[in-house]
N, C-alpha and C. Protein backbone atom coordinates (compact mmCIF):
# COMPACT_ATOMS: atom_id res chain seq x y z
N MET A 1 124.49 21.93 168.38
CA MET A 1 123.63 22.91 167.77
C MET A 1 124.46 23.88 166.97
N SER A 2 123.98 24.22 165.86
CA SER A 2 124.67 25.26 165.12
C SER A 2 124.33 26.59 165.78
N THR A 3 125.16 27.55 165.53
CA THR A 3 124.92 28.89 166.04
C THR A 3 123.96 29.58 165.08
N TYR A 4 123.17 30.51 165.59
CA TYR A 4 122.32 31.31 164.73
C TYR A 4 122.43 32.76 165.16
N ILE A 5 122.00 33.66 164.31
CA ILE A 5 122.07 35.09 164.58
C ILE A 5 120.65 35.58 164.83
N THR A 6 120.46 36.23 165.97
CA THR A 6 119.13 36.69 166.35
C THR A 6 118.77 37.98 165.60
N ASP A 7 117.53 38.38 165.74
CA ASP A 7 117.05 39.62 165.12
C ASP A 7 117.69 40.87 165.72
N ASP A 8 118.45 40.71 166.78
CA ASP A 8 119.15 41.85 167.39
C ASP A 8 120.37 42.28 166.56
N CYS A 9 120.70 41.51 165.54
CA CYS A 9 121.85 41.81 164.68
C CYS A 9 121.74 43.23 164.13
N ILE A 10 122.86 43.97 164.19
CA ILE A 10 122.89 45.34 163.66
C ILE A 10 123.53 45.38 162.27
N ASN A 11 123.77 44.20 161.71
CA ASN A 11 124.28 44.09 160.33
C ASN A 11 125.65 44.74 160.17
N CYS A 12 126.50 44.62 161.19
CA CYS A 12 127.82 45.27 161.14
C CYS A 12 128.84 44.47 160.34
N GLY A 13 128.66 43.15 160.26
CA GLY A 13 129.56 42.32 159.48
C GLY A 13 130.80 41.85 160.22
N ALA A 14 130.94 42.16 161.49
CA ALA A 14 132.13 41.77 162.24
C ALA A 14 132.29 40.25 162.30
N CYS A 15 131.19 39.53 162.29
CA CYS A 15 131.22 38.08 162.44
C CYS A 15 131.71 37.33 161.20
N GLU A 16 131.37 37.82 160.05
CA GLU A 16 131.60 37.08 158.81
C GLU A 16 133.05 36.62 158.62
N PRO A 17 134.05 37.49 158.75
CA PRO A 17 135.42 37.03 158.50
C PRO A 17 135.98 36.13 159.61
N GLU A 18 135.30 36.05 160.74
CA GLU A 18 135.79 35.24 161.86
C GLU A 18 135.47 33.76 161.72
N CYS A 19 134.51 33.42 160.88
CA CYS A 19 134.05 32.03 160.78
C CYS A 19 135.06 31.17 160.02
N PRO A 20 135.59 30.12 160.66
CA PRO A 20 136.57 29.27 159.98
C PRO A 20 135.97 28.42 158.86
N ASN A 21 134.64 28.30 158.82
CA ASN A 21 133.99 27.47 157.81
C ASN A 21 133.19 28.27 156.79
N ALA A 22 133.31 29.59 156.81
CA ALA A 22 132.57 30.47 155.89
C ALA A 22 131.06 30.20 155.94
N ALA A 23 130.56 29.99 157.16
CA ALA A 23 129.13 29.70 157.34
C ALA A 23 128.28 30.95 157.42
N ILE A 24 128.90 32.11 157.59
CA ILE A 24 128.16 33.36 157.80
C ILE A 24 128.13 34.18 156.52
N THR A 25 126.93 34.59 156.15
CA THR A 25 126.76 35.44 154.97
C THR A 25 125.78 36.56 155.29
N GLU A 26 125.82 37.59 154.48
CA GLU A 26 124.91 38.70 154.66
C GLU A 26 123.55 38.34 154.09
N GLY A 27 122.53 38.43 154.94
CA GLY A 27 121.17 38.18 154.49
C GLY A 27 120.53 39.48 154.04
N GLU A 28 119.23 39.45 153.82
CA GLU A 28 118.53 40.64 153.37
C GLU A 28 118.55 41.76 154.41
N GLU A 29 118.36 41.40 155.67
CA GLU A 29 118.33 42.41 156.72
C GLU A 29 119.40 42.21 157.79
N ILE A 30 119.75 40.96 158.06
CA ILE A 30 120.77 40.64 159.05
C ILE A 30 121.68 39.54 158.48
N TYR A 31 122.80 39.33 159.14
CA TYR A 31 123.67 38.23 158.74
C TYR A 31 123.02 36.92 159.15
N VAL A 32 123.33 35.85 158.42
CA VAL A 32 122.75 34.54 158.69
C VAL A 32 123.86 33.49 158.72
N ILE A 33 123.59 32.41 159.43
CA ILE A 33 124.54 31.31 159.54
C ILE A 33 123.92 30.07 158.92
N ASP A 34 124.65 29.44 158.00
CA ASP A 34 124.21 28.18 157.39
C ASP A 34 124.52 27.06 158.37
N ALA A 35 123.49 26.43 158.91
CA ALA A 35 123.67 25.37 159.90
C ALA A 35 124.49 24.20 159.37
N ASN A 36 124.45 23.98 158.07
CA ASN A 36 125.22 22.88 157.48
C ASN A 36 126.72 23.17 157.47
N LEU A 37 127.09 24.43 157.62
CA LEU A 37 128.50 24.82 157.60
C LEU A 37 129.03 25.20 158.99
N CYS A 38 128.14 25.37 159.94
CA CYS A 38 128.54 25.82 161.27
C CYS A 38 128.91 24.63 162.16
N ALA A 39 130.15 24.66 162.66
CA ALA A 39 130.61 23.65 163.61
C ALA A 39 130.85 24.28 164.98
N GLU A 40 130.25 25.44 165.22
CA GLU A 40 130.36 26.16 166.48
C GLU A 40 131.80 26.41 166.90
N CYS A 41 132.70 26.44 165.95
CA CYS A 41 134.13 26.67 166.17
C CYS A 41 134.79 25.57 167.00
N VAL A 42 134.09 24.44 167.20
CA VAL A 42 134.69 23.32 167.91
C VAL A 42 135.90 22.85 167.11
N GLY A 43 137.01 22.72 167.78
CA GLY A 43 138.27 22.36 167.14
C GLY A 43 139.13 23.57 166.83
N ASP A 44 138.50 24.75 166.80
CA ASP A 44 139.22 25.98 166.47
C ASP A 44 139.32 26.96 167.64
N ASN A 45 138.25 27.09 168.39
CA ASN A 45 138.18 28.07 169.48
C ASN A 45 137.40 27.50 170.66
N GLU A 46 137.63 28.08 171.83
CA GLU A 46 136.90 27.64 173.02
C GLU A 46 135.46 28.13 173.04
N ALA A 47 135.16 29.10 172.19
CA ALA A 47 133.79 29.62 172.07
C ALA A 47 133.60 30.04 170.62
N GLU A 48 132.37 30.32 170.27
CA GLU A 48 132.08 30.72 168.90
C GLU A 48 132.79 32.05 168.60
N ALA A 49 133.59 32.06 167.53
CA ALA A 49 134.34 33.25 167.16
C ALA A 49 133.41 34.40 166.79
N CYS A 50 132.29 34.10 166.18
CA CYS A 50 131.34 35.15 165.79
C CYS A 50 130.80 35.87 167.02
N GLN A 51 130.47 35.12 168.05
CA GLN A 51 129.94 35.73 169.27
C GLN A 51 131.01 36.57 169.96
N ALA A 52 132.26 36.15 169.89
CA ALA A 52 133.34 36.87 170.54
C ALA A 52 133.53 38.28 169.98
N VAL A 53 133.21 38.47 168.70
CA VAL A 53 133.40 39.79 168.08
C VAL A 53 132.10 40.57 167.91
N CYS A 54 130.98 39.96 168.20
CA CYS A 54 129.67 40.60 167.98
C CYS A 54 129.44 41.70 169.02
N PRO A 55 129.23 42.94 168.56
CA PRO A 55 129.02 44.02 169.51
C PRO A 55 127.69 43.96 170.26
N VAL A 56 126.72 43.22 169.74
CA VAL A 56 125.43 43.09 170.42
C VAL A 56 125.18 41.67 170.92
N GLU A 57 126.18 40.82 170.80
CA GLU A 57 126.12 39.44 171.30
C GLU A 57 124.87 38.70 170.84
N CYS A 58 124.67 38.69 169.52
CA CYS A 58 123.46 38.06 168.98
C CYS A 58 123.74 36.73 168.27
N CYS A 59 124.94 36.19 168.42
CA CYS A 59 125.28 34.89 167.83
C CYS A 59 125.18 33.85 168.94
N LEU A 60 124.14 33.05 168.88
CA LEU A 60 123.83 32.14 169.98
C LEU A 60 123.67 30.71 169.50
N PRO A 61 123.95 29.73 170.36
CA PRO A 61 123.66 28.34 170.01
C PRO A 61 122.16 28.18 169.75
N ASN A 62 121.83 27.49 168.68
CA ASN A 62 120.43 27.32 168.29
C ASN A 62 119.83 26.12 169.03
N PRO A 63 118.91 26.36 169.97
CA PRO A 63 118.33 25.25 170.72
C PRO A 63 117.48 24.32 169.85
N ASP A 64 117.10 24.78 168.67
CA ASP A 64 116.30 23.95 167.77
C ASP A 64 117.16 23.03 166.90
N ASN A 65 118.47 23.14 167.03
CA ASN A 65 119.38 22.32 166.22
C ASN A 65 120.53 21.80 167.09
N PRO A 66 120.24 20.94 168.08
CA PRO A 66 121.30 20.46 168.96
C PRO A 66 122.25 19.48 168.26
N GLU A 67 123.53 19.66 168.53
CA GLU A 67 124.56 18.75 168.01
C GLU A 67 125.57 18.52 169.12
N GLU A 68 126.05 17.31 169.22
CA GLU A 68 127.06 16.95 170.20
C GLU A 68 128.45 17.35 169.69
N GLU A 69 129.40 17.43 170.61
CA GLU A 69 130.77 17.79 170.24
C GLU A 69 131.32 16.87 169.14
N SER A 70 131.08 15.58 169.26
CA SER A 70 131.61 14.63 168.27
C SER A 70 131.05 14.90 166.87
N ALA A 71 129.79 15.26 166.78
CA ALA A 71 129.18 15.57 165.48
C ALA A 71 129.77 16.86 164.91
N LEU A 72 130.03 17.83 165.78
CA LEU A 72 130.60 19.10 165.32
C LEU A 72 132.04 18.92 164.84
N ILE A 73 132.79 18.07 165.53
CA ILE A 73 134.17 17.77 165.09
C ILE A 73 134.14 17.08 163.74
N ALA A 74 133.24 16.12 163.58
CA ALA A 74 133.13 15.41 162.29
C ALA A 74 132.75 16.40 161.19
N LYS A 75 131.85 17.33 161.50
CA LYS A 75 131.44 18.32 160.51
C LYS A 75 132.61 19.21 160.13
N ALA A 76 133.37 19.67 161.12
CA ALA A 76 134.53 20.53 160.85
C ALA A 76 135.53 19.82 159.94
N MET A 77 135.79 18.54 160.21
CA MET A 77 136.74 17.79 159.38
C MET A 77 136.20 17.55 157.98
N LYS A 78 134.91 17.33 157.86
CA LYS A 78 134.31 17.15 156.54
C LYS A 78 134.39 18.43 155.73
N LEU A 79 134.19 19.56 156.39
CA LEU A 79 134.23 20.85 155.70
C LEU A 79 135.65 21.28 155.35
N ARG A 80 136.62 20.86 156.17
CA ARG A 80 138.01 21.28 155.95
C ARG A 80 138.95 20.08 156.00
N PRO A 81 138.80 19.13 155.07
CA PRO A 81 139.59 17.90 155.12
C PRO A 81 141.09 18.12 154.92
N ASP A 82 141.47 19.23 154.34
CA ASP A 82 142.88 19.50 154.08
C ASP A 82 143.53 20.37 155.15
N ASP A 83 142.82 20.67 156.22
CA ASP A 83 143.35 21.51 157.30
C ASP A 83 144.17 20.63 158.24
N ALA A 84 145.47 20.59 158.01
CA ALA A 84 146.37 19.72 158.78
C ALA A 84 146.42 20.10 160.25
N ASP A 85 146.36 21.39 160.55
CA ASP A 85 146.39 21.83 161.95
C ASP A 85 145.15 21.35 162.70
N LEU A 86 143.99 21.50 162.08
CA LEU A 86 142.75 21.02 162.71
C LEU A 86 142.81 19.51 162.91
N ALA A 87 143.25 18.80 161.89
CA ALA A 87 143.33 17.33 161.97
C ALA A 87 144.27 16.90 163.10
N ALA A 88 145.38 17.60 163.25
CA ALA A 88 146.34 17.26 164.31
C ALA A 88 145.75 17.51 165.69
N ARG A 89 145.05 18.63 165.85
CA ARG A 89 144.41 18.92 167.14
C ARG A 89 143.38 17.85 167.49
N ILE A 90 142.59 17.47 166.50
CA ILE A 90 141.56 16.46 166.73
C ILE A 90 142.18 15.10 167.04
N ALA A 91 143.20 14.73 166.27
CA ALA A 91 143.86 13.44 166.49
C ALA A 91 144.47 13.35 167.89
N SER A 92 144.98 14.46 168.39
CA SER A 92 145.59 14.46 169.72
C SER A 92 144.54 14.43 170.83
N GLY A 93 143.30 14.77 170.47
CA GLY A 93 142.25 14.86 171.48
C GLY A 93 142.33 16.13 172.30
N ASN A 94 143.28 16.99 171.94
CA ASN A 94 143.50 18.24 172.67
C ASN A 94 143.12 19.40 171.75
N PHE A 95 141.82 19.66 171.68
CA PHE A 95 141.34 20.74 170.82
C PHE A 95 140.38 21.63 171.59
N PRO A 96 140.30 22.90 171.21
CA PRO A 96 139.38 23.80 171.91
C PRO A 96 137.93 23.50 171.55
N SER A 97 137.06 23.70 172.54
CA SER A 97 135.65 23.42 172.35
C SER A 97 134.85 24.08 173.47
N ARG A 98 133.69 24.62 173.12
CA ARG A 98 132.83 25.20 174.16
C ARG A 98 132.31 24.14 175.11
N PHE A 99 132.37 22.88 174.71
CA PHE A 99 131.93 21.79 175.55
C PHE A 99 132.93 21.49 176.67
N ARG A 100 134.14 22.03 176.53
CA ARG A 100 135.21 21.72 177.49
C ARG A 100 135.55 22.89 178.40
N THR A 101 134.81 23.96 178.32
CA THR A 101 135.14 25.13 179.16
C THR A 101 134.30 25.15 180.41
């Protein structure tokens, strides 16, 4: 599932620079996450980086858009094909993921 931002967002912007895939943008009233760009930080962090910095904890996995770890890894690699560090972590099978905590 991609992460989404709930209506509890206070529009602080703390989440935007944390996203490794630039999936977060400022919406009209709150920040929004593009599900096509969100890989839930699988391969990069043990949990969603946006949620880790959110002062109101409004960045949550979207139950309406479930995705398995393998799909999220494939998405991350498709979005960042030139990221050698990410590719090495994935190739080794030793990468951070919320599915493994």
